[in-house]
Amino acid sequence: MKALAEAGYRVVAPDQRGYGKTDRPEAVEDYNILQLSGDIVGLVDALGDTEAVIVGHDWGSGVAWFCALLRPGIFRAVVLLSVPYIRRSWMDIRPTEAMKQAEGEKQFYQLYFQEPGKAEAEFEADVRKTILTVLYSASGDVPPDKRWRFLFDKSETFLDCCTVPETLPAWLTEADLEFCTEEFKRTGFRSGLNWYRNLDRNWELTPFLSGTKIRQPSLFVAGEFDPVVTIISTSFRQLGGNYAGLDKEGSGAGRRTLAPAGAPK
């Protein structure tokens, strides 16, 4: 953010619905993708702007691409981090059904999150340990045999599949960890988990976007050891078909990027 601001851009990083000091509605359905995208459209208007370049990471990536698809007149370019644009088709089945077919005898973490209260109880038992464990286990610093497993035995919990570091990694300060810990002690994890509990609802709400490509100038970046690269490897192989006029695709040290024609190089 600092680098972009120093380059002359106005940069805003909001706490999205359910996080930080932003509102946390009680109803699960209040976290569907149309509501989440509407929040960002409203933010642009509240800032007095008429257009913006939108950048999203992980779940925020999904919000970013829905904003780009639904309101192209506002969002003139899009940057997606970690999670690529996943274009739905008319043949797609309900997301949780697809996950059940793929997980076999294991548990897939997004299905583990579906039951209200289950993951909340696990994560909130020791918030500091949860934050530290998840941040470290999903990072590129973890030895291969200790990385977070997104598929795990039915006898295991989510945190059983993670590793607690002996010392803080260089990129995580005690002050940052303490801040995140106190925030989640105050808010709990329910609101963030409710995003996952709308996977099927999002699918039900957006069939009209089947086959739609992102046509704005775009950039996608993923870390070399990002677990998402493994989780949705098929989507990475199909990236070229999800954008109008793929111009550049390649890989570098620790990242993969692509941009449709007309995107900044």
C-alpha atoms as a PDB file:
ATOM      1  CA  MET A   1       0.000   0.000   0.000  1.00  0.00           C
ATOM      2  CA  LYS A   2       2.778   2.400   0.888  1.00  0.00           C
ATOM      3  CA  ALA A   3       4.524   1.878  -2.440  1.00  0.00           C
ATOM      4  CA  LEU A   4       1.310   2.509  -4.399  1.00  0.00           C
ATOM      5  CA  ALA A   5       0.491   5.584  -2.332  1.00  0.00           C
ATOM      6  CA  GLU A   6       3.991   6.958  -2.872  1.00  0.00           C
ATOM      7  CA  ALA A   7       3.505   6.384  -6.606  1.00  0.00           C
ATOM      8  CA  GLY A   8       0.501   8.717  -6.493  1.00  0.00           C
ATOM      9  CA  TYR A   9      -2.388   6.278  -6.172  1.00  0.00           C
ATOM     10  CA  ARG A  10      -5.168   6.470  -3.622  1.00  0.00           C
ATOM     11  CA  VAL A  11      -5.179   3.121  -1.821  1.00  0.00           C
ATOM     12  CA  VAL A  12      -7.918   1.780   0.455  1.00  0.00           C
ATOM     13  CA  ALA A  13      -7.831  -1.600   2.269  1.00  0.00           C
ATOM     14  CA  PRO A  14     -11.195  -2.210   3.980  1.00  0.00           C
ATOM     15  CA  ASP A  15     -12.049  -4.813   6.572  1.00  0.00           C
ATOM     16  CA  GLN A  16     -14.638  -6.805   4.657  1.00  0.00           C
ATOM     17  CA  ARG A  17     -17.993  -7.871   6.053  1.00  0.00           C
ATOM     18  CA  GLY A  18     -17.549  -9.856   9.245  1.00  0.00           C
ATOM     19  CA  TYR A  19     -13.971  -8.801   9.906  1.00  0.00           C
ATOM     20  CA  GLY A  20     -12.314  -6.190  12.096  1.00  0.00           C
ATOM     21  CA  LYS A  21     -14.595  -3.290  12.940  1.00  0.00           C
ATOM     22  CA  THR A  22     -16.869  -3.777   9.929  1.00  0.00           C
ATOM     23  CA  ASP A  23     -20.428  -4.970  10.644  1.00  0.00           C
ATOM     24  CA  ARG A  24     -20.953  -8.655  11.428  1.00  0.00           C
ATOM     25  CA  PRO A  25     -24.520  -9.622  10.513  1.00  0.00           C
ATOM     26  CA  GLU A  26     -25.848 -12.648  12.365  1.00  0.00           C
ATOM     27  CA  ALA A  27     -27.561 -14.441   9.481  1.00  0.00           C
ATOM     28  CA  VAL A  28     -25.411 -16.803   7.402  1.00  0.00           C
ATOM     29  CA  GLU A  29     -27.097 -15.708   4.171  1.00  0.00           C
ATOM     30  CA  ASP A  30     -25.965 -12.129   4.726  1.00  0.00           C
ATOM     31  CA  TYR A  31     -22.497 -13.206   3.608  1.00  0.00           C
ATOM     32  CA  ASN A  32     -23.450 -14.238   0.064  1.00  0.00           C
ATOM     33  CA  ILE A  33     -21.292 -12.990  -2.790  1.00  0.00           C
ATOM     34  CA  LEU A  34     -23.793 -10.393  -4.029  1.00  0.00           C
ATOM     35  CA  GLN A  35     -23.843  -8.761  -0.601  1.00  0.00           C
ATOM     36  CA  LEU A  36     -20.045  -8.879  -0.375  1.00  0.00           C
ATOM     37  CA  SER A  37     -19.619  -7.390  -3.837  1.00  0.00           C
ATOM     38  CA  GLY A  38     -22.247  -4.763  -3.073  1.00  0.00           C
ATOM     39  CA  ASP A  39     -20.230  -3.700  -0.040  1.00  0.00           C
ATOM     40  CA  ILE A  40     -17.271  -2.843  -2.277  1.00  0.00           C
ATOM     41  CA  VAL A  41     -19.433  -1.017  -4.818  1.00  0.00           C
ATOM     42  CA  GLY A  42     -20.853   0.995  -1.933  1.00  0.00           C
ATOM     43  CA  LEU A  43     -17.373   1.716  -0.628  1.00  0.00           C
ATOM     44  CA  VAL A  44     -16.271   3.195  -3.942  1.00  0.00           C
ATOM     45  CA  ASP A  45     -19.329   5.443  -3.916  1.00  0.00           C
ATOM     46  CA  ALA A  46     -18.793   6.415  -0.256  1.00  0.00           C
ATOM     47  CA  LEU A  47     -15.248   7.485  -1.129  1.00  0.00           C
ATOM     48  CA  GLY A  48     -16.633   9.813  -3.777  1.00  0.00           C
ATOM     49  CA  ASP A  49     -15.099   7.891  -6.676  1.00  0.00           C
ATOM     50  CA  THR A  50     -16.672   6.524  -9.833  1.00  0.00           C
ATOM     51  CA  GLU A  51     -14.100   3.913 -10.800  1.00  0.00           C
ATOM     52  CA  ALA A  52     -11.322   1.862  -9.249  1.00  0.00           C
ATOM     53  CA  VAL A  53      -8.780  -0.894  -9.798  1.00  0.00           C
ATOM     54  CA  ILE A  54      -9.719  -3.735  -7.459  1.00  0.00           C
ATOM     55  CA  VAL A  55      -7.207  -6.055  -5.793  1.00  0.00           C
ATOM     56  CA  GLY A  56      -8.260  -9.159  -3.870  1.00  0.00           C
ATOM     57  CA  HIS A  57      -6.432 -11.961  -2.052  1.00  0.00           C
ATOM     58  CA  ASP A  58      -7.840 -15.416  -1.271  1.00  0.00           C
ATOM     59  CA  TRP A  59     -11.578 -14.955  -0.541  1.00  0.00           C
ATOM     60  CA  GLY A  60     -11.085 -11.319  -1.478  1.00  0.00           C
ATOM     61  CA  SER A  61     -10.058 -12.538  -4.910  1.00  0.00           C
ATOM     62  CA  GLY A  62     -13.548 -13.957  -5.415  1.00  0.00           C
ATOM     63  CA  VAL A  63     -15.095 -10.658  -4.356  1.00  0.00           C
ATOM     64  CA  ALA A  64     -12.780  -8.847  -6.766  1.00  0.00           C
ATOM     65  CA  TRP A  65     -13.721 -10.945  -9.787  1.00  0.00           C
ATOM     66  CA  PHE A  66     -17.440 -10.750  -9.043  1.00  0.00           C
ATOM     67  CA  CYS A  67     -17.100  -6.967  -8.798  1.00  0.00           C
ATOM     68  CA  ALA A  68     -15.295  -6.934 -12.149  1.00  0.00           C
ATOM     69  CA  LEU A  69     -17.968  -9.112 -13.779  1.00  0.00           C
ATOM     70  CA  LEU A  70     -20.998  -7.381 -12.264  1.00  0.00           C
ATOM     71  CA  ARG A  71     -19.876  -3.750 -12.415  1.00  0.00           C
ATOM     72  CA  PRO A  72     -17.284  -3.384 -15.213  1.00  0.00           C
ATOM     73  CA  GLY A  73     -18.117   0.298 -15.489  1.00  0.00           C
ATOM     74  CA  ILE A  74     -16.737   0.847 -12.008  1.00  0.00           C
ATOM     75  CA  PHE A  75     -13.895  -1.652 -11.827  1.00  0.00           C
ATOM     76  CA  ARG A  76     -11.667  -0.889 -14.792  1.00  0.00           C
ATOM     77  CA  ALA A  77      -8.918  -3.395 -13.897  1.00  0.00           C
ATOM     78  CA  VAL A  78      -8.559  -6.329 -11.516  1.00  0.00           C
ATOM     79  CA  VAL A  79      -5.705  -7.989  -9.631  1.00  0.00           C
ATOM     80  CA  LEU A  80      -6.248 -11.449  -8.148  1.00  0.00           C
ATOM     81  CA  LEU A  81      -3.841 -12.964  -5.612  1.00  0.00           C
ATOM     82  CA  SER A  82      -3.657 -16.667  -4.767  1.00  0.00           C
ATOM     83  CA  VAL A  83      -7.118 -17.672  -6.064  1.00  0.00           C
ATOM     84  CA  PRO A  84      -7.599 -17.412  -9.854  1.00  0.00           C
ATOM     85  CA  TYR A  85     -10.857 -16.532 -11.546  1.00  0.00           C
ATOM     86  CA  ILE A  86     -12.883 -19.742 -11.692  1.00  0.00           C
ATOM     87  CA  ARG A  87     -15.377 -19.471 -14.528  1.00  0.00           C
ATOM     88  CA  ARG A  88     -18.547 -21.463 -13.918  1.00  0.00           C
ATOM     89  CA  SER A  89     -20.390 -23.348 -16.635  1.00  0.00           C
ATOM     90  CA  TRP A  90     -23.998 -24.383 -17.100  1.00  0.00           C
ATOM     91  CA  MET A  91     -22.902 -27.946 -16.344  1.00  0.00           C
ATOM     92  CA  ASP A  92     -21.463 -27.217 -12.897  1.00  0.00           C
ATOM     93  CA  ILE A  93     -23.011 -29.041  -9.969  1.00  0.00           C
ATOM     94  CA  ARG A  94     -23.564 -27.666  -6.480  1.00  0.00           C
ATOM     95  CA  PRO A  95     -20.113 -26.819  -5.007  1.00  0.00           C
ATOM     96  CA  THR A  96     -20.479 -28.877  -1.842  1.00  0.00           C
ATOM     97  CA  GLU A  97     -21.595 -31.877  -3.904  1.00  0.00           C
ATOM     98  CA  ALA A  98     -18.491 -31.549  -6.073  1.00  0.00           C
ATOM     99  CA  MET A  99     -16.356 -31.386  -2.932  1.00  0.00           C
ATOM    100  CA  LYS A 100     -17.962 -34.512  -1.491  1.00  0.00           C
ATOM    101  CA  GLN A 101     -17.216 -36.380  -4.700  1.00  0.00           C
ATOM    102  CA  ALA A 102     -13.596 -35.229  -4.644  1.00  0.00           C
ATOM    103  CA  GLU A 103     -12.803 -35.848  -0.978  1.00  0.00           C
ATOM    104  CA  GLY A 104     -13.486 -39.592  -1.011  1.00  0.00           C
ATOM    105  CA  GLU A 105     -12.775 -41.089   2.407  1.00  0.00           C
ATOM    106  CA  LYS A 106     -11.137 -37.862   3.616  1.00  0.00           C
ATOM    107  CA  GLN A 107     -12.520 -34.521   4.822  1.00  0.00           C
ATOM    108  CA  PHE A 108     -12.085 -31.382   2.719  1.00  0.00           C
ATOM    109  CA  TYR A 109     -11.580 -28.333   4.905  1.00  0.00           C
ATOM    110  CA  GLN A 110     -14.326 -26.253   3.254  1.00  0.00           C
ATOM    111  CA  LEU A 111     -16.854 -28.982   4.038  1.00  0.00           C
ATOM    112  CA  TYR A 112     -15.507 -29.145   7.588  1.00  0.00           C
ATOM    113  CA  PHE A 113     -16.452 -25.454   7.906  1.00  0.00           C
ATOM    114  CA  GLN A 114     -20.086 -25.967   6.860  1.00  0.00           C
ATOM    115  CA  GLU A 115     -21.536 -26.960  10.239  1.00  0.00           C
ATOM    116  CA  PRO A 116     -22.139 -23.792  12.313  1.00  0.00           C
ATOM    117  CA  GLY A 117     -20.307 -23.848  15.619  1.00  0.00           C
ATOM    118  CA  LYS A 118     -17.931 -26.735  14.876  1.00  0.00           C
ATOM    119  CA  ALA A 119     -14.884 -24.855  13.607  1.00  0.00           C
ATOM    120  CA  GLU A 120     -15.697 -21.859  15.799  1.00  0.00           C
ATOM    121  CA  ALA A 121     -15.302 -23.949  18.947  1.00  0.00           C
ATOM    122  CA  GLU A 122     -12.014 -25.377  17.728  1.00  0.00           C
ATOM    123  CA  PHE A 123     -10.503 -22.046  16.687  1.00  0.00           C
ATOM    124  CA  GLU A 124     -11.713 -20.038  19.663  1.00  0.00           C
ATOM    125  CA  ALA A 125     -10.380 -22.471  22.260  1.00  0.00           C
ATOM    126  CA  ASP A 126      -6.944 -20.839  21.894  1.00  0.00           C
ATOM    127  CA  VAL A 127      -7.138 -17.889  19.510  1.00  0.00           C
ATOM    128  CA  ARG A 128      -3.442 -17.007  19.587  1.00  0.00           C
ATOM    129  CA  LYS A 129      -2.431 -20.575  18.778  1.00  0.00           C
ATOM    130  CA  THR A 130      -4.997 -20.745  15.973  1.00  0.00           C
ATOM    131  CA  ILE A 131      -3.763 -17.538  14.329  1.00  0.00           C
ATOM    132  CA  LEU A 132      -0.097 -18.506  14.630  1.00  0.00           C
ATOM    133  CA  THR A 133      -0.664 -22.067  13.446  1.00  0.00           C
ATOM    134  CA  VAL A 134      -2.755 -21.157  10.404  1.00  0.00           C
ATOM    135  CA  LEU A 135      -0.515 -18.290   9.274  1.00  0.00           C
ATOM    136  CA  TYR A 136       2.603 -20.423   9.518  1.00  0.00           C
ATOM    137  CA  SER A 137       1.205 -23.665   8.133  1.00  0.00           C
ATOM    138  CA  ALA A 138      -0.143 -22.032   4.957  1.00  0.00           C
ATOM    139  CA  SER A 139       3.095 -20.125   4.319  1.00  0.00           C
ATOM    140  CA  GLY A 140       6.026 -21.027   2.110  1.00  0.00           C
ATOM    141  CA  ASP A 141       8.339 -21.414   5.112  1.00  0.00           C
ATOM    142  CA  VAL A 142       6.980 -24.773   6.254  1.00  0.00           C
ATOM    143  CA  PRO A 143       8.955 -27.936   5.410  1.00  0.00           C
ATOM    144  CA  PRO A 144       7.031 -30.031   2.853  1.00  0.00           C
ATOM    145  CA  ASP A 145       6.179 -32.759   5.365  1.00  0.00           C
ATOM    146  CA  LYS A 146       4.666 -30.244   7.797  1.00  0.00           C
ATOM    147  CA  ARG A 147       2.576 -28.136   5.428  1.00  0.00           C
ATOM    148  CA  TRP A 148      -1.127 -27.692   6.021  1.00  0.00           C
ATOM    149  CA  ARG A 149      -3.211 -30.534   4.610  1.00  0.00           C
ATOM    150  CA  PHE A 150      -6.485 -29.425   3.021  1.00  0.00           C
ATOM    151  CA  LEU A 151      -7.662 -33.058   2.946  1.00  0.00           C
ATOM    152  CA  PHE A 152      -7.524 -34.894   6.262  1.00  0.00           C
ATOM    153  CA  ASP A 153      -8.883 -37.972   8.004  1.00  0.00           C
ATOM    154  CA  LYS A 154     -12.398 -37.851   9.380  1.00  0.00           C
ATOM    155  CA  SER A 155     -10.956 -38.491  12.844  1.00  0.00           C
ATOM    156  CA  GLU A 156      -8.855 -35.313  12.610  1.00  0.00           C
ATOM    157  CA  THR A 157      -9.711 -31.667  13.167  1.00  0.00           C
ATOM    158  CA  PHE A 158      -8.608 -28.751  11.006  1.00  0.00           C
ATOM    159  CA  LEU A 159      -5.803 -27.751  13.365  1.00  0.00           C
ATOM    160  CA  ASP A 160      -4.538 -31.328  13.545  1.00  0.00           C
ATOM    161  CA  CYS A 161      -3.406 -30.762   9.966  1.00  0.00           C
ATOM    162  CA  CYS A 162      -1.296 -27.722  10.825  1.00  0.00           C
ATOM    163  CA  THR A 163       2.081 -27.083  12.422  1.00  0.00           C
ATOM    164  CA  VAL A 164       2.877 -24.766  15.318  1.00  0.00           C
ATOM    165  CA  PRO A 165       6.262 -23.082  14.730  1.00  0.00           C
ATOM    166  CA  GLU A 166       8.871 -23.204  17.498  1.00  0.00           C
ATOM    167  CA  THR A 167       9.670 -19.514  16.914  1.00  0.00           C
ATOM    168  CA  LEU A 168       7.914 -16.740  15.020  1.00  0.00           C
ATOM    169  CA  PRO A 169       8.792 -16.611  11.320  1.00  0.00           C
ATOM    170  CA  ALA A 170      10.712 -13.515  10.205  1.00  0.00           C
ATOM    171  CA  TRP A 171       7.642 -12.034   8.506  1.00  0.00           C
ATOM    172  CA  LEU A 172       5.424 -12.190  11.623  1.00  0.00           C
ATOM    173  CA  THR A 173       6.088  -9.891  14.570  1.00  0.00           C
ATOM    174  CA  GLU A 174       4.809 -10.429  18.088  1.00  0.00           C
ATOM    175  CA  ALA A 175       2.915  -7.125  17.781  1.00  0.00           C
ATOM    176  CA  ASP A 176       1.131  -8.275  14.611  1.00  0.00           C
ATOM    177  CA  LEU A 177       0.258 -11.622  16.165  1.00  0.00           C
ATOM    178  CA  GLU A 178      -1.059  -9.942  19.297  1.00  0.00           C
ATOM    179  CA  PHE A 179      -3.189  -7.536  17.258  1.00  0.00           C
ATOM    180  CA  CYS A 180      -4.788 -10.338  15.236  1.00  0.00           C
ATOM    181  CA  THR A 181      -5.324 -12.393  18.381  1.00  0.00           C
ATOM    182  CA  GLU A 182      -7.129  -9.613  20.186  1.00  0.00           C
ATOM    183  CA  GLU A 183      -9.293  -8.822  17.148  1.00  0.00           C
ATOM    184  CA  PHE A 184     -10.478 -12.414  16.797  1.00  0.00           C
ATOM    185  CA  LYS A 185     -11.014 -12.729  20.542  1.00  0.00           C
ATOM    186  CA  ARG A 186     -13.366  -9.779  20.186  1.00  0.00           C
ATOM    187  CA  THR A 187     -15.152 -10.859  17.003  1.00  0.00           C
ATOM    188  CA  GLY A 188     -14.892 -14.641  17.039  1.00  0.00           C
ATOM    189  CA  PHE A 189     -14.532 -16.664  13.838  1.00  0.00           C
ATOM    190  CA  ARG A 190     -18.194 -17.174  12.953  1.00  0.00           C
ATOM    191  CA  SER A 191     -18.492 -14.310  10.481  1.00  0.00           C
ATOM    192  CA  GLY A 192     -15.423 -15.332   8.488  1.00  0.00           C
ATOM    193  CA  LEU A 193     -16.566 -18.943   8.388  1.00  0.00           C
ATOM    194  CA  ASN A 194     -19.966 -17.802   7.127  1.00  0.00           C
ATOM    195  CA  TRP A 195     -18.302 -16.883   3.842  1.00  0.00           C
ATOM    196  CA  TYR A 196     -17.699 -20.619   3.287  1.00  0.00           C
ATOM    197  CA  ARG A 197     -21.264 -21.428   4.304  1.00  0.00           C
ATOM    198  CA  ASN A 198     -22.519 -19.496   1.278  1.00  0.00           C
ATOM    199  CA  LEU A 199     -20.738 -21.553  -1.360  1.00  0.00           C
ATOM    200  CA  ASP A 200     -23.939 -23.243  -2.504  1.00  0.00           C
ATOM    201  CA  ARG A 201     -25.983 -20.056  -2.147  1.00  0.00           C
ATOM    202  CA  ASN A 202     -23.485 -18.161  -4.312  1.00  0.00           C
ATOM    203  CA  TRP A 203     -23.847 -20.877  -6.956  1.00  0.00           C
ATOM    204  CA  GLU A 204     -27.650 -20.586  -6.782  1.00  0.00           C
ATOM    205  CA  LEU A 205     -27.541 -16.795  -7.142  1.00  0.00           C
ATOM    206  CA  THR A 206     -25.197 -16.506 -10.133  1.00  0.00           C
ATOM    207  CA  PRO A 207     -26.086 -18.938 -12.956  1.00  0.00           C
ATOM    208  CA  PHE A 208     -26.391 -15.925 -15.267  1.00  0.00           C
ATOM    209  CA  LEU A 209     -22.582 -15.562 -15.099  1.00  0.00           C
ATOM    210  CA  SER A 210     -21.967 -18.997 -16.646  1.00  0.00           C
ATOM    211  CA  GLY A 211     -19.339 -18.764 -19.376  1.00  0.00           C
ATOM    212  CA  THR A 212     -18.475 -15.140 -18.605  1.00  0.00           C
ATOM    213  CA  LYS A 213     -14.894 -14.005 -19.141  1.00  0.00           C
ATOM    214  CA  ILE A 214     -13.093 -11.170 -17.397  1.00  0.00           C
ATOM    215  CA  ARG A 215     -12.509  -8.516 -20.052  1.00  0.00           C
ATOM    216  CA  GLN A 216     -10.748  -5.829 -18.028  1.00  0.00           C
ATOM    217  CA  PRO A 217      -6.956  -5.558 -17.874  1.00  0.00           C
ATOM    218  CA  SER A 218      -6.008  -8.127 -15.250  1.00  0.00           C
ATOM    219  CA  LEU A 219      -3.118  -9.544 -13.301  1.00  0.00           C
ATOM    220  CA  PHE A 220      -2.939 -12.805 -11.384  1.00  0.00           C
ATOM    221  CA  VAL A 221      -0.201 -13.743  -8.922  1.00  0.00           C
ATOM    222  CA  ALA A 222       0.243 -16.901  -6.826  1.00  0.00           C
ATOM    223  CA  GLY A 223       3.084 -18.013  -4.603  1.00  0.00           C
ATOM    224  CA  GLU A 224       5.118 -21.015  -5.713  1.00  0.00           C
ATOM    225  CA  PHE A 225       4.214 -22.926  -2.537  1.00  0.00           C
ATOM    226  CA  ASP A 226       0.702 -21.552  -2.149  1.00  0.00           C
ATOM    227  CA  PRO A 227      -1.561 -24.513  -1.272  1.00  0.00           C
ATOM    228  CA  VAL A 228      -4.280 -23.066  -3.507  1.00  0.00           C
ATOM    229  CA  VAL A 229      -2.111 -23.985  -6.508  1.00  0.00           C
ATOM    230  CA  THR A 230      -2.560 -27.618  -5.501  1.00  0.00           C
ATOM    231  CA  ILE A 231      -6.180 -27.422  -4.357  1.00  0.00           C
ATOM    232  CA  ILE A 232      -7.497 -26.050  -7.641  1.00  0.00           C
ATOM    233  CA  SER A 233      -4.757 -27.073 -10.062  1.00  0.00           C
ATOM    234  CA  THR A 234      -7.304 -27.606 -12.853  1.00  0.00           C
ATOM    235  CA  SER A 235      -8.327 -23.943 -12.654  1.00  0.00           C
ATOM    236  CA  PHE A 236      -4.708 -22.891 -13.104  1.00  0.00           C
ATOM    237  CA  ARG A 237      -4.445 -24.969 -16.269  1.00  0.00           C
ATOM    238  CA  GLN A 238      -7.609 -23.324 -17.630  1.00  0.00           C
ATOM    239  CA  LEU A 239      -6.623 -19.714 -16.940  1.00  0.00           C
ATOM    240  CA  GLY A 240      -6.204 -18.854 -20.594  1.00  0.00           C
ATOM    241  CA  GLY A 241      -9.857 -19.624 -21.306  1.00  0.00           C
ATOM    242  CA  ASN A 242     -11.175 -17.401 -18.531  1.00  0.00           C
ATOM    243  CA  TYR A 243      -9.856 -14.100 -19.844  1.00  0.00           C
ATOM    244  CA  ALA A 244     -10.525 -12.269 -23.091  1.00  0.00           C
ATOM    245  CA  GLY A 245      -7.292 -12.219 -25.087  1.00  0.00           C
ATOM    246  CA  LEU A 246      -4.566 -13.740 -22.947  1.00  0.00           C
ATOM    247  CA  ASP A 247      -1.392 -11.829 -23.736  1.00  0.00           C
ATOM    248  CA  LYS A 248       1.235 -13.040 -21.288  1.00  0.00           C
ATOM    249  CA  GLU A 249       1.698 -16.115 -19.186  1.00  0.00           C
ATOM    250  CA  GLY A 250       4.795 -17.274 -17.385  1.00  0.00           C
ATOM    251  CA  SER A 251       6.407 -18.154 -14.115  1.00  0.00           C
ATOM    252  CA  GLY A 252       9.126 -16.636 -12.025  1.00  0.00           C
ATOM    253  CA  ALA A 253      10.803 -17.176  -8.704  1.00  0.00           C
ATOM    254  CA  GLY A 254       7.943 -17.790  -6.326  1.00  0.00           C
ATOM    255  CA  ARG A 255       5.164 -16.429  -8.505  1.00  0.00           C
ATOM    256  CA  ARG A 256       3.004 -17.055 -11.539  1.00  0.00           C
ATOM    257  CA  THR A 257       1.454 -14.240 -13.443  1.00  0.00           C
ATOM    258  CA  LEU A 258      -0.739 -13.611 -16.445  1.00  0.00           C
ATOM    259  CA  ALA A 259      -2.415 -10.617 -18.012  1.00  0.00           C
ATOM    260  CA  PRO A 260      -5.027 -10.212 -20.761  1.00  0.00           C
ATOM    261  CA  ALA A 261      -4.188  -7.965 -23.685  1.00  0.00           C
ATOM    262  CA  GLY A 262      -4.166  -4.328 -22.683  1.00  0.00           C
ATOM    263  CA  ALA A 263      -3.064  -4.956 -19.122  1.00  0.00           C
ATOM    264  CA  PRO A 264      -0.126  -3.007 -17.706  1.00  0.00           C
ATOM    265  CA  LYS A 265       3.170  -4.875 -18.153  1.00  0.00           C
END
